[in-house]
Each structure stands twice: as structure tokens, then as C-alpha cells.
Amino acid sequence: MAIFTEKGHGGPESEGALSIIGAGMRVVGDITAEGVVKIEGTVVGTVRAGRQVLVAKGGEVEGDVVTREAIIGGEVRGTVVAGERVEIQASSVVHGDITSKRLLVHEGGEINGVIRMGEAAPAEPAAAGDTGATATARSY
């Protein structure tokens, strides 16, 4: 399989685990991890990580990202929901809504969607048909 895991230092294995979707890889389906997920290739589906999702420059996610901290350097076509923080790097494009307590956008980073911030930001995207404040993923 093309997802590699490595033990972290100083904490439980699940908290320090690192899963990598390498450049040139295409994963179709949802990904769930306790630690960090780094995406250098393409994922078509929802990416959930307990600690962090990192979409590297050149990486793509066609689906939602749900995590505590999201760092976007590539492209996301879907909703980004982070319990703590979202960072949009200069090379990145997000086509979808962002919900987080804190947001950092570097000059050149693009967001094409609605931004919701603050302590009351929900931790999960709304289910289809839900009339809550959070948007569901969009297809582009």
C-alpha cells in the first residue's frame, strides 16, 4: 500500500503517526488517521486527521478536509473544517468553505468560498440536507 506510517517521538504512537500520499499517487476513497496526513498526490474523498492535514504544493484534495489544523499549499475542492487553525499558503487554492477558530492567508493564496471563524465554529461539516450553519462539500 502507498500510505506509510512512522512512529513519532515523545507521545503515543497514534498522535505522532505520519501518513503520506506521495506525489504521483491517486487515492479514491475517504482517509481517516489519528495523527498527521500529508498529501503530495491526489485524494478524491474526505480526509480526516486527528492532528493535522498538510496538502503540499502540487497536492490535491477533491473532497472535504476535517482536522484540528490544516495547512494548505496545494489545491482543495471541498470544505475545510479545522478545530483550531487553517493556513492558506501562497501557492494554494481552496474552492469551498472554510470553518476554523483561526485563519492565516499568505499573500497569493486563494479562497473561493465562505469563511466562518471564531470559538463557535463547528468541528464537522454539516450532513447533506442539514440546515445548520456549516456548508456541505460542493462539486466543481
N, C-alpha and C. Protein backbone atom coordinates (compact mmCIF):
# COMPACT_ATOMS: atom_id res chain seq x y z
N MET A 1 0.85 -1.18 0.00
CA MET A 1 0.00 0.00 0.00
C MET A 1 0.89 1.24 0.00
N ALA A 2 0.37 2.35 -0.44
CA ALA A 2 1.20 3.52 -0.64
C ALA A 2 1.13 4.53 0.49
N ILE A 3 0.53 4.16 1.58
CA ILE A 3 0.50 5.07 2.73
C ILE A 3 1.51 4.55 3.72
N PHE A 4 2.43 5.40 4.13
CA PHE A 4 3.50 4.99 5.02
C PHE A 4 3.28 5.61 6.39
N THR A 5 3.56 4.85 7.43
CA THR A 5 3.37 5.33 8.78
C THR A 5 4.69 5.23 9.53
N GLU A 6 4.94 6.22 10.36
CA GLU A 6 6.17 6.26 11.12
C GLU A 6 5.85 6.68 12.54
N LYS A 7 6.49 6.07 13.51
CA LYS A 7 6.23 6.41 14.91
C LYS A 7 6.80 7.78 15.24
N GLY A 8 6.05 8.54 16.02
CA GLY A 8 6.51 9.85 16.47
C GLY A 8 7.36 9.71 17.72
N HIS A 9 7.89 10.78 18.19
CA HIS A 9 8.74 10.77 19.38
C HIS A 9 8.06 11.53 20.50
N GLY A 10 8.10 10.98 21.71
CA GLY A 10 7.64 11.70 22.89
C GLY A 10 6.15 11.62 23.15
N GLY A 11 5.38 10.86 22.40
CA GLY A 11 3.95 10.78 22.62
C GLY A 11 3.41 9.44 22.17
N PRO A 12 2.12 9.23 22.32
CA PRO A 12 1.54 7.98 21.86
C PRO A 12 1.75 7.80 20.36
N GLU A 13 1.83 6.56 19.92
CA GLU A 13 2.08 6.28 18.50
C GLU A 13 1.03 6.92 17.61
N SER A 14 -0.24 6.85 17.99
CA SER A 14 -1.30 7.39 17.13
C SER A 14 -1.22 8.90 16.99
N GLU A 15 -0.77 9.60 18.02
CA GLU A 15 -0.69 11.05 17.94
C GLU A 15 0.46 11.50 17.06
N GLY A 16 1.56 10.73 17.00
CA GLY A 16 2.72 11.11 16.22
C GLY A 16 2.77 10.46 14.86
N ALA A 17 1.76 9.65 14.52
CA ALA A 17 1.78 8.92 13.26
C ALA A 17 1.72 9.89 12.08
N LEU A 18 2.47 9.55 11.04
CA LEU A 18 2.51 10.35 9.82
C LEU A 18 2.14 9.45 8.66
N SER A 19 1.11 9.82 7.92
CA SER A 19 0.68 9.09 6.72
C SER A 19 0.90 9.99 5.52
N ILE A 20 1.55 9.45 4.48
CA ILE A 20 1.91 10.26 3.32
C ILE A 20 1.28 9.67 2.06
N ILE A 21 0.61 10.51 1.30
CA ILE A 21 0.15 10.18 -0.04
C ILE A 21 1.15 10.84 -0.97
N GLY A 22 2.03 10.06 -1.55
CA GLY A 22 3.15 10.58 -2.31
C GLY A 22 2.77 11.21 -3.64
N ALA A 23 3.69 12.02 -4.16
CA ALA A 23 3.50 12.65 -5.47
C ALA A 23 3.29 11.58 -6.53
N GLY A 24 2.35 11.80 -7.43
CA GLY A 24 2.05 10.83 -8.47
C GLY A 24 1.02 9.79 -8.07
N MET A 25 0.66 9.75 -6.79
CA MET A 25 -0.36 8.80 -6.33
C MET A 25 -1.75 9.42 -6.44
N ARG A 26 -2.74 8.56 -6.66
CA ARG A 26 -4.15 8.99 -6.67
C ARG A 26 -4.91 8.00 -5.80
N VAL A 27 -5.51 8.50 -4.73
CA VAL A 27 -6.30 7.69 -3.82
C VAL A 27 -7.76 8.08 -3.99
N VAL A 28 -8.61 7.09 -4.27
CA VAL A 28 -10.03 7.33 -4.39
C VAL A 28 -10.70 6.67 -3.20
N GLY A 29 -11.29 7.49 -2.33
CA GLY A 29 -11.91 7.00 -1.11
C GLY A 29 -11.54 7.88 0.06
N ASP A 30 -12.25 7.69 1.16
CA ASP A 30 -12.01 8.51 2.35
C ASP A 30 -10.79 8.03 3.10
N ILE A 31 -10.08 8.96 3.74
CA ILE A 31 -8.90 8.65 4.55
C ILE A 31 -9.17 9.13 5.97
N THR A 32 -8.90 8.27 6.94
CA THR A 32 -9.04 8.64 8.35
C THR A 32 -7.76 8.26 9.07
N ALA A 33 -7.19 9.19 9.83
CA ALA A 33 -5.96 8.94 10.58
C ALA A 33 -6.02 9.70 11.90
N GLU A 34 -5.32 9.19 12.89
CA GLU A 34 -5.27 9.85 14.20
C GLU A 34 -4.25 10.98 14.24
N GLY A 35 -3.16 10.85 13.51
CA GLY A 35 -2.07 11.81 13.57
C GLY A 35 -2.10 12.83 12.46
N VAL A 36 -1.07 12.79 11.60
CA VAL A 36 -0.88 13.75 10.52
C VAL A 36 -1.02 13.04 9.17
N VAL A 37 -1.73 13.67 8.24
CA VAL A 37 -1.82 13.18 6.86
C VAL A 37 -1.20 14.23 5.96
N LYS A 38 -0.17 13.83 5.20
CA LYS A 38 0.48 14.73 4.25
C LYS A 38 0.12 14.26 2.84
N ILE A 39 -0.40 15.17 2.04
CA ILE A 39 -0.85 14.83 0.70
C ILE A 39 0.00 15.55 -0.32
N GLU A 40 0.79 14.78 -1.05
CA GLU A 40 1.61 15.31 -2.14
C GLU A 40 1.02 14.94 -3.49
N GLY A 41 0.14 13.93 -3.52
CA GLY A 41 -0.52 13.47 -4.73
C GLY A 41 -1.95 13.96 -4.76
N THR A 42 -2.89 13.08 -5.12
CA THR A 42 -4.30 13.43 -5.24
C THR A 42 -5.16 12.49 -4.39
N VAL A 43 -6.10 13.06 -3.67
CA VAL A 43 -7.09 12.29 -2.93
C VAL A 43 -8.47 12.72 -3.39
N VAL A 44 -9.29 11.76 -3.78
CA VAL A 44 -10.68 12.01 -4.15
C VAL A 44 -11.51 11.39 -3.04
N GLY A 45 -11.95 12.22 -2.10
CA GLY A 45 -12.70 11.75 -0.94
C GLY A 45 -12.41 12.63 0.25
N THR A 46 -13.04 12.33 1.37
CA THR A 46 -12.85 13.11 2.59
C THR A 46 -11.57 12.68 3.29
N VAL A 47 -10.81 13.67 3.78
CA VAL A 47 -9.60 13.41 4.54
C VAL A 47 -9.83 13.88 5.96
N ARG A 48 -9.75 12.94 6.93
CA ARG A 48 -9.92 13.25 8.35
C ARG A 48 -8.64 12.87 9.08
N ALA A 49 -8.13 13.82 9.88
CA ALA A 49 -6.94 13.54 10.67
C ALA A 49 -7.12 14.17 12.04
N GLY A 50 -6.75 13.44 13.08
CA GLY A 50 -6.91 13.93 14.44
C GLY A 50 -6.04 15.12 14.75
N ARG A 51 -4.87 15.19 14.13
CA ARG A 51 -3.94 16.26 14.45
C ARG A 51 -3.80 17.29 13.33
N GLN A 52 -3.42 16.85 12.13
CA GLN A 52 -3.12 17.82 11.07
C GLN A 52 -3.29 17.20 9.68
N VAL A 53 -3.78 18.01 8.74
CA VAL A 53 -3.76 17.65 7.33
C VAL A 53 -2.89 18.68 6.64
N LEU A 54 -1.89 18.20 5.92
CA LEU A 54 -0.98 19.06 5.16
C LEU A 54 -1.12 18.71 3.69
N VAL A 55 -1.63 19.64 2.90
CA VAL A 55 -1.71 19.46 1.46
C VAL A 55 -0.53 20.22 0.88
N ALA A 56 0.48 19.48 0.44
CA ALA A 56 1.72 20.07 -0.05
C ALA A 56 1.50 20.75 -1.39
N LYS A 57 2.43 21.62 -1.76
CA LYS A 57 2.39 22.27 -3.07
C LYS A 57 2.36 21.17 -4.13
N GLY A 58 1.38 21.24 -5.03
CA GLY A 58 1.21 20.20 -6.04
C GLY A 58 0.22 19.12 -5.62
N GLY A 59 -0.13 19.07 -4.33
CA GLY A 59 -1.11 18.10 -3.84
C GLY A 59 -2.52 18.58 -4.09
N GLU A 60 -3.46 17.64 -4.22
CA GLU A 60 -4.86 17.98 -4.47
C GLU A 60 -5.79 17.13 -3.63
N VAL A 61 -6.84 17.76 -3.12
CA VAL A 61 -7.92 17.04 -2.44
C VAL A 61 -9.22 17.43 -3.12
N GLU A 62 -9.94 16.43 -3.62
CA GLU A 62 -11.27 16.65 -4.20
C GLU A 62 -12.27 16.09 -3.20
N GLY A 63 -12.52 16.85 -2.15
CA GLY A 63 -13.41 16.43 -1.07
C GLY A 63 -13.14 17.28 0.15
N ASP A 64 -13.77 16.92 1.26
CA ASP A 64 -13.64 17.71 2.48
C ASP A 64 -12.36 17.37 3.23
N VAL A 65 -11.88 18.34 4.01
CA VAL A 65 -10.75 18.16 4.92
C VAL A 65 -11.27 18.47 6.31
N VAL A 66 -11.14 17.52 7.24
CA VAL A 66 -11.61 17.69 8.61
C VAL A 66 -10.46 17.32 9.55
N THR A 67 -10.03 18.29 10.39
CA THR A 67 -8.87 18.07 11.24
C THR A 67 -8.80 19.14 12.33
N ARG A 68 -7.78 19.06 13.15
CA ARG A 68 -7.54 20.11 14.15
C ARG A 68 -6.81 21.29 13.51
N GLU A 69 -5.82 20.99 12.64
CA GLU A 69 -5.05 22.03 11.96
C GLU A 69 -4.86 21.64 10.50
N ALA A 70 -5.17 22.55 9.58
CA ALA A 70 -4.98 22.31 8.15
C ALA A 70 -4.00 23.31 7.59
N ILE A 71 -3.00 22.80 6.87
CA ILE A 71 -2.05 23.65 6.17
C ILE A 71 -2.19 23.31 4.70
N ILE A 72 -2.63 24.29 3.91
CA ILE A 72 -2.93 24.06 2.50
C ILE A 72 -1.89 24.77 1.65
N GLY A 73 -1.13 23.98 0.89
CA GLY A 73 -0.15 24.53 -0.03
C GLY A 73 -0.48 24.17 -1.47
N GLY A 74 -1.43 23.26 -1.64
CA GLY A 74 -1.86 22.83 -2.97
C GLY A 74 -3.27 23.29 -3.24
N GLU A 75 -4.12 22.36 -3.70
CA GLU A 75 -5.49 22.71 -4.08
C GLU A 75 -6.49 21.82 -3.36
N VAL A 76 -7.54 22.45 -2.83
CA VAL A 76 -8.65 21.73 -2.20
C VAL A 76 -9.94 22.15 -2.87
N ARG A 77 -10.71 21.16 -3.32
CA ARG A 77 -12.04 21.42 -3.87
C ARG A 77 -13.04 20.75 -2.94
N GLY A 78 -13.41 21.48 -1.90
CA GLY A 78 -14.32 20.98 -0.88
C GLY A 78 -14.23 21.84 0.36
N THR A 79 -14.94 21.45 1.39
CA THR A 79 -14.99 22.20 2.64
C THR A 79 -13.77 21.88 3.50
N VAL A 80 -13.18 22.90 4.12
CA VAL A 80 -12.09 22.71 5.07
C VAL A 80 -12.62 23.08 6.45
N VAL A 81 -12.61 22.12 7.37
CA VAL A 81 -13.07 22.35 8.74
C VAL A 81 -11.93 21.98 9.68
N ALA A 82 -11.44 22.98 10.43
CA ALA A 82 -10.34 22.75 11.36
C ALA A 82 -10.75 23.28 12.73
N GLY A 83 -10.61 22.46 13.75
CA GLY A 83 -11.00 22.85 15.09
C GLY A 83 -10.18 24.00 15.65
N GLU A 84 -8.92 24.13 15.21
CA GLU A 84 -8.04 25.16 15.75
C GLU A 84 -7.58 26.19 14.72
N ARG A 85 -6.99 25.72 13.59
CA ARG A 85 -6.27 26.66 12.72
C ARG A 85 -6.24 26.17 11.28
N VAL A 86 -6.34 27.13 10.34
CA VAL A 86 -6.15 26.86 8.92
C VAL A 86 -5.11 27.84 8.40
N GLU A 87 -4.15 27.32 7.64
CA GLU A 87 -3.14 28.16 6.99
C GLU A 87 -3.25 27.94 5.49
N ILE A 88 -3.43 29.04 4.76
CA ILE A 88 -3.51 29.01 3.30
C ILE A 88 -2.21 29.62 2.78
N GLN A 89 -1.37 28.79 2.18
CA GLN A 89 -0.07 29.26 1.71
C GLN A 89 -0.20 29.96 0.36
N ALA A 90 0.86 30.66 -0.03
CA ALA A 90 0.83 31.49 -1.25
C ALA A 90 0.53 30.70 -2.51
N SER A 91 0.90 29.44 -2.54
CA SER A 91 0.74 28.63 -3.74
C SER A 91 -0.61 27.92 -3.81
N SER A 92 -1.51 28.16 -2.85
CA SER A 92 -2.70 27.32 -2.72
C SER A 92 -3.98 27.96 -3.23
N VAL A 93 -4.97 27.07 -3.52
CA VAL A 93 -6.30 27.49 -3.92
C VAL A 93 -7.30 26.60 -3.18
N VAL A 94 -8.27 27.22 -2.53
CA VAL A 94 -9.35 26.47 -1.89
C VAL A 94 -10.65 26.87 -2.58
N HIS A 95 -11.32 25.89 -3.20
CA HIS A 95 -12.62 26.09 -3.83
C HIS A 95 -13.65 25.48 -2.89
N GLY A 96 -14.05 26.22 -1.87
CA GLY A 96 -15.01 25.72 -0.90
C GLY A 96 -14.94 26.55 0.37
N ASP A 97 -15.82 26.23 1.29
CA ASP A 97 -15.92 26.99 2.53
C ASP A 97 -14.85 26.56 3.53
N ILE A 98 -14.48 27.50 4.41
CA ILE A 98 -13.51 27.23 5.47
C ILE A 98 -14.14 27.58 6.80
N THR A 99 -14.04 26.66 7.77
CA THR A 99 -14.53 26.90 9.12
C THR A 99 -13.40 26.60 10.09
N SER A 100 -13.04 27.58 10.93
CA SER A 100 -11.95 27.39 11.89
C SER A 100 -11.97 28.51 12.92
N LYS A 101 -11.29 28.30 14.03
CA LYS A 101 -11.14 29.36 15.03
C LYS A 101 -10.19 30.44 14.53
N ARG A 102 -9.10 30.00 13.84
CA ARG A 102 -8.09 30.95 13.36
C ARG A 102 -7.76 30.66 11.90
N LEU A 103 -7.41 31.72 11.17
CA LEU A 103 -7.08 31.59 9.75
C LEU A 103 -5.90 32.47 9.41
N LEU A 104 -4.92 31.90 8.70
CA LEU A 104 -3.77 32.65 8.20
C LEU A 104 -3.75 32.46 6.69
N VAL A 105 -3.79 33.58 5.96
CA VAL A 105 -3.74 33.52 4.49
C VAL A 105 -2.50 34.28 4.04
N HIS A 106 -1.58 33.57 3.40
CA HIS A 106 -0.39 34.21 2.86
C HIS A 106 -0.75 34.92 1.55
N GLU A 107 -0.02 35.98 1.25
CA GLU A 107 -0.25 36.73 0.02
C GLU A 107 -0.14 35.80 -1.17
N GLY A 108 -1.15 35.80 -2.02
CA GLY A 108 -1.19 34.93 -3.20
C GLY A 108 -2.08 33.71 -3.01
N GLY A 109 -2.40 33.36 -1.76
CA GLY A 109 -3.31 32.25 -1.50
C GLY A 109 -4.73 32.64 -1.89
N GLU A 110 -5.50 31.70 -2.46
CA GLU A 110 -6.85 31.99 -2.92
C GLU A 110 -7.88 31.19 -2.15
N ILE A 111 -8.98 31.85 -1.81
CA ILE A 111 -10.13 31.19 -1.20
C ILE A 111 -11.36 31.58 -1.99
N ASN A 112 -12.06 30.60 -2.54
CA ASN A 112 -13.29 30.83 -3.28
C ASN A 112 -14.42 30.14 -2.52
N GLY A 113 -14.88 30.80 -1.47
CA GLY A 113 -15.92 30.23 -0.62
C GLY A 113 -16.17 31.13 0.57
N VAL A 114 -16.99 30.65 1.48
CA VAL A 114 -17.36 31.39 2.69
C VAL A 114 -16.41 31.02 3.82
N ILE A 115 -16.01 32.02 4.61
CA ILE A 115 -15.15 31.78 5.76
C ILE A 115 -15.95 31.99 7.03
N ARG A 116 -15.90 30.99 7.94
CA ARG A 116 -16.55 31.10 9.25
C ARG A 116 -15.47 30.94 10.30
N MET A 117 -15.40 31.90 11.22
CA MET A 117 -14.34 31.87 12.23
C MET A 117 -14.92 32.10 13.61
N GLY A 118 -14.11 31.78 14.62
CA GLY A 118 -14.48 32.07 15.99
C GLY A 118 -14.61 30.83 16.85
N GLU A 119 -14.85 31.05 18.12
CA GLU A 119 -14.95 29.97 19.09
C GLU A 119 -16.12 29.04 18.82
N ALA A 120 -17.19 29.54 18.21
CA ALA A 120 -18.39 28.73 17.97
C ALA A 120 -18.30 27.92 16.68
N ALA A 121 -17.14 27.94 16.00
CA ALA A 121 -17.01 27.21 14.74
C ALA A 121 -17.18 25.72 14.98
N PRO A 122 -18.07 25.06 14.24
CA PRO A 122 -18.30 23.63 14.43
C PRO A 122 -17.09 22.81 14.01
N ALA A 123 -16.96 21.60 14.56
CA ALA A 123 -15.81 20.76 14.28
C ALA A 123 -16.03 19.83 13.09
N GLU A 124 -17.25 19.72 12.56
CA GLU A 124 -17.55 18.81 11.46
C GLU A 124 -18.37 19.54 10.41
N PRO A 125 -18.22 19.20 9.12
CA PRO A 125 -19.12 19.78 8.12
C PRO A 125 -20.52 19.21 8.29
N ALA A 126 -21.52 19.98 7.90
CA ALA A 126 -22.91 19.54 8.03
C ALA A 126 -23.20 18.39 7.09
N ALA A 127 -24.08 17.51 7.52
CA ALA A 127 -24.50 16.39 6.67
C ALA A 127 -25.41 16.91 5.57
N ALA A 128 -25.51 16.16 4.49
CA ALA A 128 -26.38 16.56 3.37
C ALA A 128 -27.80 16.73 3.87
N GLY A 129 -28.42 17.83 3.51
CA GLY A 129 -29.78 18.09 3.93
C GLY A 129 -29.90 18.78 5.27
N ASP A 130 -28.79 18.92 6.00
CA ASP A 130 -28.80 19.59 7.30
C ASP A 130 -28.96 21.08 7.06
N THR A 131 -29.72 21.75 7.90
CA THR A 131 -29.93 23.18 7.74
C THR A 131 -29.06 23.98 8.68
N GLY A 132 -28.01 23.37 9.23
CA GLY A 132 -27.09 24.04 10.15
C GLY A 132 -26.27 25.10 9.44
N ALA A 133 -25.39 25.77 10.17
CA ALA A 133 -24.64 26.90 9.65
C ALA A 133 -23.47 26.49 8.76
N THR A 134 -23.05 25.24 8.79
CA THR A 134 -21.89 24.83 8.03
C THR A 134 -22.31 24.28 6.67
N ALA A 135 -21.56 24.61 5.64
CA ALA A 135 -21.91 24.17 4.29
C ALA A 135 -21.39 22.76 4.03
N THR A 136 -22.01 22.07 3.13
CA THR A 136 -21.54 20.75 2.69
C THR A 136 -20.62 20.94 1.51
N ALA A 137 -19.92 19.87 1.13
CA ALA A 137 -18.97 19.93 0.03
C ALA A 137 -19.68 20.25 -1.27
N ARG A 138 -18.98 20.92 -2.14
CA ARG A 138 -19.53 21.27 -3.45
C ARG A 138 -18.73 20.55 -4.52
N SER A 139 -19.37 20.24 -5.62
CA SER A 139 -18.68 19.65 -6.76
C SER A 139 -18.38 20.74 -7.77
N TYR A 140 -17.17 20.76 -8.31
CA TYR A 140 -16.77 21.75 -9.31
C TYR A 140 -16.28 21.04 -10.54
